[in-house]
Amino acid sequence: MVLIHGFGAAIGHWRNNIPVLAAAGYRVFALDLLGFGGSSKPAIAYSLELWQALLKDFWAAHIGAPAVFVGNSIGALLSLMMAADYPDLVQRVVLLNAAGGLNHRPEELNPLLRLVMGVFTQLVSSELVGPFLFEQVRKKPRIRRTLMQVYRDHTAITDELVELIYEPSCDPGAQKVFASILTAPPGPSPTELLPRVHQPILVLWGDADPWTPITGSKIYRELAAAEPDRVQYTPIAGAGHCPHDECPDTVNRLVLDWLSAGNRG
């Protein structure tokens, strides 16, 4: 089983899942995507395709057999990419509040928001303004406020969680990584990928997520209705963008039950 974190997160974001999944008998792997967590932070062009290549190499070096890919946010989108492009590597897929892209696609934004995002992209990329913006974003009080937007259960926002996100921002090169990712192309969309994915899929979606609202899960809901033997879609009431961390007991149970049912089948 391979766990793939989302934007700004790291291996530690799975701290409430790894022990339970491992205790159930699974070999559990997790990694920091390049540029995040404890990984190195080279000044390169970041993209979903770069991380996909990293995952392929990680699989070849450490796993070597079809695995269950579990991802949150952009990690979920990467899991879909792996299933579509390297089907022999992927046995099953678990998607947690899957992102529609690494960044917003211009055609998805109204003209005003498109203009605002264009200006923001220029500022983030600026040698003068970019470092200042990054310093504001990475302050611990700002991190906590951001988490309060995406976690509905604020008791899950611990000092440990804030530190998990803050510490990598202190690494040399972190600001350049931040700028590169926020100005990167969105990559392939779920609409493009899903017709090429034939493995069983479990879709879990916190229904109170402001970043990837549950309205965006329509494509998965429809797929589950059309192929109920292959695709399971389960909304999680009251959870935000990171249900695996906000309500780990629920997510762990749903994942293990689904895997167990599949093994019985």
Protein backbone atom coordinates (compact mmCIF):
# COMPACT_ATOMS: atom_id res chain seq x y z
CA MET A 1 0.00 0.00 0.00
CA VAL A 2 1.40 3.41 -1.03
CA LEU A 3 0.20 6.58 0.72
CA ILE A 4 0.57 9.86 -1.20
CA HIS A 5 0.06 13.16 0.60
CA GLY A 6 -1.40 16.39 -0.74
CA PHE A 7 -0.09 19.94 -1.24
CA GLY A 8 1.95 21.27 1.66
CA ALA A 9 1.79 17.99 3.58
CA ALA A 10 4.24 15.14 4.19
CA ILE A 11 4.57 11.56 5.40
CA GLY A 12 3.49 12.68 8.87
CA HIS A 13 0.03 13.52 7.57
CA TRP A 14 -0.59 9.75 7.59
CA ARG A 15 0.55 9.31 11.22
CA ASN A 16 -2.97 8.27 12.29
CA ASN A 17 -3.37 5.79 9.43
CA ILE A 18 -0.08 3.96 8.98
CA PRO A 19 -0.13 2.04 12.31
CA VAL A 20 -3.72 0.86 11.81
CA LEU A 21 -3.24 -0.19 8.19
CA ALA A 22 0.01 -1.97 9.05
CA ALA A 23 -1.61 -3.74 12.02
CA ALA A 24 -4.23 -5.08 9.61
CA GLY A 25 -1.47 -6.92 7.78
CA TYR A 26 -0.59 -4.55 4.96
CA ARG A 27 2.92 -3.47 3.99
CA VAL A 28 2.51 0.30 4.10
CA PHE A 29 4.80 2.70 2.25
CA ALA A 30 4.65 6.50 2.39
CA LEU A 31 6.98 9.07 0.90
CA ASP A 32 7.51 12.80 0.81
CA LEU A 33 6.96 14.06 -2.71
CA LEU A 34 9.98 15.98 -4.00
CA GLY A 35 9.82 19.55 -2.66
CA PHE A 36 7.66 18.63 0.34
CA GLY A 37 8.31 17.38 3.86
CA GLY A 38 11.82 16.15 4.51
CA SER A 39 12.70 15.73 0.84
CA SER A 40 15.27 17.87 -0.92
CA LYS A 41 13.97 21.06 -2.49
CA PRO A 42 15.83 21.68 -5.75
CA ALA A 43 15.03 24.74 -7.84
CA ILE A 44 13.38 22.92 -10.74
CA ALA A 45 10.07 23.01 -12.58
CA TYR A 46 7.61 21.03 -10.47
CA SER A 47 4.69 19.17 -12.04
CA LEU A 48 2.42 16.20 -11.56
CA GLU A 49 4.46 14.37 -14.19
CA LEU A 50 7.65 14.89 -12.15
CA TRP A 51 6.04 13.34 -9.07
CA GLN A 52 4.57 10.53 -11.16
CA ALA A 53 8.09 9.65 -12.34
CA LEU A 54 9.22 9.73 -8.70
CA LEU A 55 6.43 7.33 -7.71
CA LYS A 56 7.29 4.96 -10.55
CA ASP A 57 10.95 4.91 -9.46
CA PHE A 58 9.91 4.45 -5.80
CA TRP A 59 7.71 1.50 -6.76
CA ALA A 60 10.55 -0.10 -8.74
CA ALA A 61 13.07 0.39 -5.91
CA HIS A 62 10.95 -0.61 -2.92
CA ILE A 63 7.77 -2.45 -3.89
CA GLY A 64 7.97 -4.40 -7.14
CA ALA A 65 4.43 -5.79 -7.04
CA PRO A 66 0.97 -4.36 -7.79
CA ALA A 67 0.01 -2.08 -4.90
CA VAL A 68 -2.96 -0.20 -3.52
CA PHE A 69 -2.38 3.52 -4.13
CA VAL A 70 -4.02 5.82 -1.58
CA GLY A 71 -3.93 9.58 -2.11
CA ASN A 72 -5.33 12.79 -0.70
CA SER A 73 -5.95 15.87 -2.88
CA ILE A 74 -3.13 16.04 -5.47
CA GLY A 75 -1.98 12.69 -4.08
CA ALA A 76 -5.31 11.25 -5.21
CA LEU A 77 -4.85 12.72 -8.68
CA LEU A 78 -1.36 11.20 -8.80
CA SER A 79 -2.87 7.84 -7.82
CA LEU A 80 -5.25 8.09 -10.78
CA MET A 81 -2.34 8.99 -13.08
CA MET A 82 -0.41 5.94 -11.91
CA ALA A 83 -3.43 3.68 -12.45
CA ALA A 84 -4.04 5.07 -15.94
CA ASP A 85 -0.44 5.16 -17.16
CA TYR A 86 1.09 2.20 -15.29
CA PRO A 87 -1.75 -0.28 -14.72
CA ASP A 88 0.63 -3.14 -13.94
CA LEU A 89 1.87 -1.23 -10.87
CA VAL A 90 -1.55 -0.45 -9.42
CA GLN A 91 -3.90 -3.05 -7.95
CA ARG A 92 -6.52 -0.70 -6.48
CA VAL A 93 -6.99 3.03 -5.89
CA VAL A 94 -8.31 4.95 -2.89
CA LEU A 95 -9.11 8.62 -3.51
CA LEU A 96 -9.59 11.08 -0.64
CA ASN A 97 -11.04 14.43 -1.74
CA ALA A 98 -9.31 14.18 -5.09
CA ALA A 99 -7.98 17.36 -6.68
CA GLY A 100 -9.02 18.23 -10.21
CA GLY A 101 -5.55 19.52 -11.05
CA LEU A 102 -2.34 20.79 -9.53
CA ASN A 103 -3.68 24.30 -10.05
CA HIS A 104 -6.91 25.81 -11.34
CA ARG A 105 -7.44 25.63 -15.08
CA PRO A 106 -8.06 29.10 -16.58
CA GLU A 107 -11.23 27.92 -18.29
CA GLU A 108 -12.67 26.93 -14.90
CA LEU A 109 -12.42 30.47 -13.54
CA ASN A 110 -14.67 33.43 -14.19
CA PRO A 111 -12.95 36.41 -15.90
CA LEU A 112 -12.42 38.35 -12.66
CA LEU A 113 -10.92 35.41 -10.79
CA ARG A 114 -8.79 34.57 -13.82
CA LEU A 115 -7.38 38.10 -13.67
CA VAL A 116 -6.78 37.89 -9.91
CA MET A 117 -5.03 34.53 -10.21
CA GLY A 118 -2.91 35.85 -13.07
CA VAL A 119 -1.71 38.76 -10.94
CA PHE A 120 -1.11 36.48 -7.95
CA THR A 121 0.95 34.11 -10.11
CA GLN A 122 3.14 37.01 -11.24
CA LEU A 123 3.64 38.17 -7.65
CA VAL A 124 4.51 34.69 -6.37
CA SER A 125 7.08 34.33 -9.16
CA SER A 126 8.60 37.76 -8.50
CA GLU A 127 12.14 37.75 -7.10
CA LEU A 128 11.20 40.81 -5.06
CA VAL A 129 7.66 40.08 -3.86
CA GLY A 130 7.66 36.27 -3.91
CA PRO A 131 9.85 35.76 -0.81
CA PHE A 132 7.77 38.29 1.16
CA LEU A 133 4.51 36.51 0.26
CA PHE A 134 6.00 33.17 1.22
CA GLU A 135 7.07 34.50 4.62
CA GLN A 136 3.49 35.61 5.29
CA VAL A 137 1.95 32.32 4.19
CA ARG A 138 4.30 30.13 6.24
CA LYS A 139 3.80 31.86 9.60
CA LYS A 140 2.36 29.46 12.16
CA PRO A 141 -0.74 31.57 12.96
CA ARG A 142 -1.49 31.75 9.21
CA ILE A 143 -1.02 28.00 8.84
CA ARG A 144 -3.42 27.43 11.73
CA ARG A 145 -6.02 29.79 10.21
CA THR A 146 -5.75 28.01 6.87
CA LEU A 147 -6.22 24.64 8.56
CA MET A 148 -9.31 26.00 10.31
CA GLN A 149 -10.80 26.57 6.84
CA VAL A 150 -10.18 23.03 5.63
CA TYR A 151 -10.69 21.03 8.85
CA ARG A 152 -14.24 21.22 10.16
CA ASP A 153 -13.25 19.54 13.42
CA HIS A 154 -10.88 22.11 14.88
CA THR A 155 -9.79 19.75 17.66
CA ALA A 156 -7.85 17.89 14.96
CA ILE A 157 -5.70 21.00 14.39
CA THR A 158 -2.94 20.24 16.85
CA ASP A 159 0.43 21.88 17.42
CA GLU A 160 1.95 18.72 15.93
CA LEU A 161 0.00 19.24 12.71
CA VAL A 162 1.01 22.91 12.46
CA GLU A 163 4.67 21.96 12.99
CA LEU A 164 4.39 19.23 10.36
CA ILE A 165 3.49 21.87 7.78
CA TYR A 166 5.72 24.65 9.12
CA GLU A 167 9.05 22.84 9.52
CA PRO A 168 9.65 22.02 5.83
CA SER A 169 9.07 25.70 4.98
CA CYS A 170 12.30 26.49 6.85
CA ASP A 171 14.39 24.38 4.47
CA PRO A 172 16.65 26.07 1.91
CA GLY A 173 14.83 26.29 -1.41
CA ALA A 174 11.33 26.03 0.08
CA GLN A 175 10.22 29.40 -1.26
CA LYS A 176 11.32 28.52 -4.81
CA VAL A 177 9.42 25.25 -4.57
CA PHE A 178 6.30 27.11 -3.41
CA ALA A 179 6.52 29.52 -6.35
CA SER A 180 7.18 26.77 -8.87
CA ILE A 181 4.24 24.63 -7.75
CA LEU A 182 1.76 27.52 -7.63
CA THR A 183 2.71 28.50 -11.18
CA ALA A 184 2.87 24.95 -12.58
CA PRO A 185 0.47 23.61 -15.23
CA PRO A 186 -2.62 21.85 -13.83
CA GLY A 187 -1.77 18.52 -15.45
CA PRO A 188 -4.29 15.88 -16.58
CA SER A 189 -7.83 16.06 -15.26
CA PRO A 190 -9.86 13.21 -13.73
CA THR A 191 -12.16 13.44 -16.75
CA GLU A 192 -9.21 12.59 -19.00
CA LEU A 193 -7.82 9.88 -16.72
CA LEU A 194 -10.87 7.91 -15.54
CA PRO A 195 -11.71 6.29 -18.93
CA ARG A 196 -8.25 4.69 -18.80
CA VAL A 197 -8.53 3.47 -15.21
CA HIS A 198 -9.91 -0.07 -14.91
CA GLN A 199 -8.84 -0.99 -11.37
CA PRO A 200 -11.31 -0.97 -8.45
CA ILE A 201 -11.69 2.51 -6.95
CA LEU A 202 -12.81 3.67 -3.51
CA VAL A 203 -13.76 7.35 -3.41
CA LEU A 204 -14.03 8.97 0.03
CA TRP A 205 -15.03 12.64 0.18
CA GLY A 206 -15.37 14.96 3.16
CA ASP A 207 -18.62 16.75 2.34
CA ALA A 208 -17.61 19.99 4.09
CA ASP A 209 -14.45 20.58 2.03
CA PRO A 210 -14.15 24.21 0.82
CA TRP A 211 -11.11 23.50 -1.39
CA THR A 212 -12.43 20.55 -3.40
CA PRO A 213 -16.17 20.86 -2.75
CA ILE A 214 -18.25 17.72 -2.90
CA THR A 215 -20.01 19.12 -5.96
CA GLY A 216 -16.77 18.32 -7.80
CA SER A 217 -17.17 14.64 -6.97
CA LYS A 218 -20.08 14.26 -9.39
CA ILE A 219 -17.97 12.38 -11.93
CA TYR A 220 -17.08 9.75 -9.30
CA ARG A 221 -20.64 9.50 -8.00
CA GLU A 222 -21.90 8.87 -11.53
CA LEU A 223 -19.17 6.32 -12.17
CA ALA A 224 -20.07 4.46 -8.97
CA ALA A 225 -23.73 4.38 -10.05
CA ALA A 226 -22.75 3.02 -13.46
CA GLU A 227 -20.17 0.50 -12.19
CA PRO A 228 -21.11 -0.37 -8.58
CA ASP A 229 -19.07 -3.59 -8.60
CA ARG A 230 -15.86 -1.67 -9.37
CA VAL A 231 -16.32 1.81 -7.92
CA GLN A 232 -17.52 2.71 -4.42
CA TYR A 233 -18.35 6.32 -3.56
CA THR A 234 -18.78 7.29 0.08
CA PRO A 235 -19.22 10.87 1.33
CA ILE A 236 -18.02 11.54 4.88
CA ALA A 237 -20.41 13.84 6.70
CA GLY A 238 -18.91 16.87 8.38
CA ALA A 239 -15.33 16.24 7.24
CA GLY A 240 -13.15 18.69 5.35
CA HIS A 241 -10.33 18.38 2.84
CA CYS A 242 -8.20 15.84 4.75
CA PRO A 243 -10.60 13.23 6.16
CA HIS A 244 -7.81 10.70 6.76
CA ASP A 245 -6.36 13.07 9.38
CA GLU A 246 -9.53 14.75 10.60
CA CYS A 247 -11.48 11.53 11.17
CA PRO A 248 -8.89 8.75 10.82
CA ASP A 249 -10.97 6.09 12.59
CA THR A 250 -13.72 6.46 10.00
CA VAL A 251 -11.35 6.48 7.03
CA ASN A 252 -9.27 3.57 8.30
CA ARG A 253 -12.42 1.48 8.80
CA LEU A 254 -13.82 2.32 5.36
CA VAL A 255 -10.54 1.55 3.61
CA LEU A 256 -9.97 -1.74 5.43
CA ASP A 257 -13.58 -2.88 4.95
CA TRP A 258 -13.37 -2.14 1.23
CA LEU A 259 -10.06 -3.94 0.84
CA SER A 260 -11.36 -6.91 2.83
CA ALA A 261 -14.51 -7.15 0.70
CA GLY A 262 -12.39 -7.03 -2.45
CA ASN A 263 -10.13 -9.80 -1.21
CA ARG A 264 -13.15 -11.95 -0.40
CA GLY A 265 -14.47 -11.33 -3.90
